[in-house]
């Protein structure tokens, strides 16, 4: 693996994030398509957290809602030369928090808020904010 000027950890973390979202999309599409009378692009509005079809769809949608900002921040960090170690660490914190969020969303059918998955959602947001701070520091110097 090339070192990419010390950003290998960050690039591997981005790879894991992208693979995670792809796996989520495959699970959500496969689960929904296996339902009797499934219509592509249309979610049964009567479904809620008690349905794995609903939870798998919400998991991938939640990841897609978070992905643009994190990818933008991640690539901006690479472009401006933000601290490579902290960039990698924060991307991995985001990646791991998304995986744990996914696992908990798949496993726990709850309407409770905050639910256990909420803490990992928040951890991912904090990692993104921190990385954005490192980008700001790199831009200021």
Protein backbone atom coordinates (compact mmCIF):
# COMPACT_ATOMS: atom_id res chain seq x y z
CA UNK A 1 0.00 0.00 0.00
CA UNK A 2 1.31 3.46 -0.86
CA UNK A 3 1.71 5.86 2.02
CA UNK A 4 0.05 8.84 0.29
CA UNK A 5 2.16 11.14 2.43
CA UNK A 6 0.99 9.57 5.69
CA UNK A 7 -2.74 9.43 4.88
CA UNK A 8 -3.00 5.64 4.50
CA UNK A 9 -4.95 5.36 7.76
CA UNK A 10 -7.41 8.01 6.58
CA UNK A 11 -7.82 6.47 3.13
CA UNK A 12 -8.42 3.02 4.60
CA UNK A 13 -11.03 4.53 6.92
CA UNK A 14 -12.79 6.17 3.96
CA UNK A 15 -12.73 2.80 2.18
CA UNK A 16 -14.38 1.14 5.21
CA UNK A 17 -17.06 3.85 5.36
CA UNK A 18 -17.88 3.35 1.67
CA UNK A 19 -17.97 -0.45 1.98
CA UNK A 20 -20.23 -0.13 5.03
CA UNK A 21 -22.73 2.02 3.13
CA UNK A 22 -22.63 -0.37 0.17
CA UNK A 23 -23.34 -3.34 2.47
CA UNK A 24 -26.17 -1.41 4.10
CA UNK A 25 -27.68 -0.62 0.69
CA UNK A 26 -27.48 -4.27 -0.39
CA UNK A 27 -29.10 -5.45 2.85
CA UNK A 28 -31.86 -2.83 2.65
CA UNK A 29 -32.62 -3.51 -1.01
CA UNK A 30 -32.55 -7.29 -0.58
CA UNK A 31 -34.70 -7.23 2.52
CA UNK A 32 -37.29 -4.95 0.96
CA UNK A 33 -37.34 -6.82 -2.35
CA UNK A 34 -37.99 -10.11 -0.56
CA UNK A 35 -41.28 -8.81 0.86
CA UNK A 36 -44.53 -9.89 -0.79
CA UNK A 37 -45.87 -7.18 -3.08
CA UNK A 38 -42.74 -5.03 -2.79
CA UNK A 39 -42.77 -2.02 -5.10
CA UNK A 40 -39.34 -0.60 -6.06
CA UNK A 41 -38.77 2.86 -4.62
CA UNK A 42 -41.83 2.78 -2.36
CA UNK A 43 -41.72 2.04 1.37
CA UNK A 44 -44.82 0.75 3.13
CA UNK A 45 -45.81 3.69 5.34
CA UNK A 46 -47.30 1.38 7.96
CA UNK A 47 -43.84 -0.02 8.81
CA UNK A 48 -41.99 1.14 11.90
CA UNK A 49 -39.06 0.10 14.06
CA UNK A 50 -40.59 -3.32 14.71
CA UNK A 51 -39.91 -4.15 11.03
CA UNK A 52 -36.41 -5.09 9.91
CA UNK A 53 -37.31 -3.79 6.45
CA UNK A 54 -37.91 -0.36 7.99
CA UNK A 55 -34.77 -0.50 10.16
CA UNK A 56 -32.50 -1.62 7.33
CA UNK A 57 -33.87 1.15 5.10
CA UNK A 58 -33.45 3.78 7.82
CA UNK A 59 -29.92 2.57 8.51
CA UNK A 60 -28.76 3.13 4.94
CA UNK A 61 -30.70 6.39 4.64
CA UNK A 62 -29.12 7.68 7.86
CA UNK A 63 -25.68 6.80 6.53
CA UNK A 64 -26.42 8.54 3.24
CA UNK A 65 -27.54 11.62 5.18
CA UNK A 66 -24.20 11.72 7.04
CA UNK A 67 -21.90 10.65 4.21
CA UNK A 68 -21.66 13.81 2.05
CA UNK A 69 -20.46 16.04 4.89
CA UNK A 70 -18.00 13.45 6.21
CA UNK A 71 -16.57 12.67 2.77
CA UNK A 72 -16.30 16.37 1.98
CA UNK A 73 -14.57 17.04 5.28
CA UNK A 74 -12.30 14.01 4.86
CA UNK A 75 -11.15 14.92 1.37
CA UNK A 76 -10.76 18.57 2.32
CA UNK A 77 -8.53 17.42 5.20
CA UNK A 78 -6.39 15.48 2.73
CA UNK A 79 -6.24 18.37 0.26
CA UNK A 80 -5.23 21.02 2.81
CA UNK A 81 -2.72 18.78 4.58
CA UNK A 82 -4.48 18.52 7.93
CA UNK A 83 -2.66 16.44 10.54
CA UNK A 84 -2.50 12.99 8.96
CA UNK A 85 -2.68 11.00 12.21
CA UNK A 86 -5.69 12.88 13.58
CA UNK A 87 -7.38 12.84 10.19
CA UNK A 88 -7.04 9.05 10.13
CA UNK A 89 -8.15 8.62 13.73
CA UNK A 90 -11.25 10.78 13.29
CA UNK A 91 -12.25 9.08 10.04
CA UNK A 92 -11.91 5.72 11.80
CA UNK A 93 -13.98 6.96 14.75
CA UNK A 94 -16.67 7.90 12.22
CA UNK A 95 -16.34 4.55 10.40
CA UNK A 96 -16.57 2.49 13.59
CA UNK A 97 -19.44 4.59 14.94
CA UNK A 98 -21.40 4.02 11.70
CA UNK A 99 -20.79 0.26 11.91
CA UNK A 100 -21.92 0.15 15.54
CA UNK A 101 -24.91 2.37 14.72
CA UNK A 102 -25.83 -0.08 11.96
CA UNK A 103 -25.44 -3.14 14.18
CA UNK A 104 -27.59 -1.62 16.91
CA UNK A 105 -30.23 -0.43 14.45
CA UNK A 106 -30.44 -3.93 12.99
CA UNK A 107 -30.56 -5.59 16.41
CA UNK A 108 -32.79 -3.32 18.50
CA UNK A 109 -36.36 -2.53 17.48
CA UNK A 110 -37.19 0.49 19.61
CA UNK A 111 -39.05 3.75 19.25
CA UNK A 112 -37.19 5.08 22.30
CA UNK A 113 -35.22 8.27 21.86
CA UNK A 114 -32.41 8.37 22.52
CA UNK A 115 -31.87 4.73 21.69
CA UNK A 116 -28.48 3.02 22.08
CA UNK A 117 -27.77 3.69 18.39
CA UNK A 118 -28.20 7.44 19.02
CA UNK A 119 -24.94 7.56 20.97
CA UNK A 120 -22.99 6.16 18.02
CA UNK A 121 -24.73 8.58 15.67
CA UNK A 122 -23.62 11.40 17.97
CA UNK A 123 -20.06 10.02 18.15
CA UNK A 124 -19.89 10.12 14.33
CA UNK A 125 -21.12 13.72 14.30
CA UNK A 126 -18.54 14.72 16.92
CA UNK A 127 -15.77 13.05 14.86
CA UNK A 128 -16.91 15.01 11.82
CA UNK A 129 -16.96 18.30 13.74
CA UNK A 130 -13.50 17.61 15.17
CA UNK A 131 -12.12 16.80 11.72
CA UNK A 132 -13.65 19.99 10.38
CA UNK A 133 -11.79 21.81 13.18
CA UNK A 134 -8.50 20.25 12.03
CA UNK A 135 -9.30 21.41 8.49
CA UNK A 136 -9.86 24.93 9.82
CA UNK A 137 -6.53 24.86 11.64
CA UNK A 138 -4.73 23.64 8.52
CA UNK A 139 -6.37 26.38 6.44
CA UNK A 140 -5.39 29.05 8.99
CA UNK A 141 -1.73 28.10 8.99
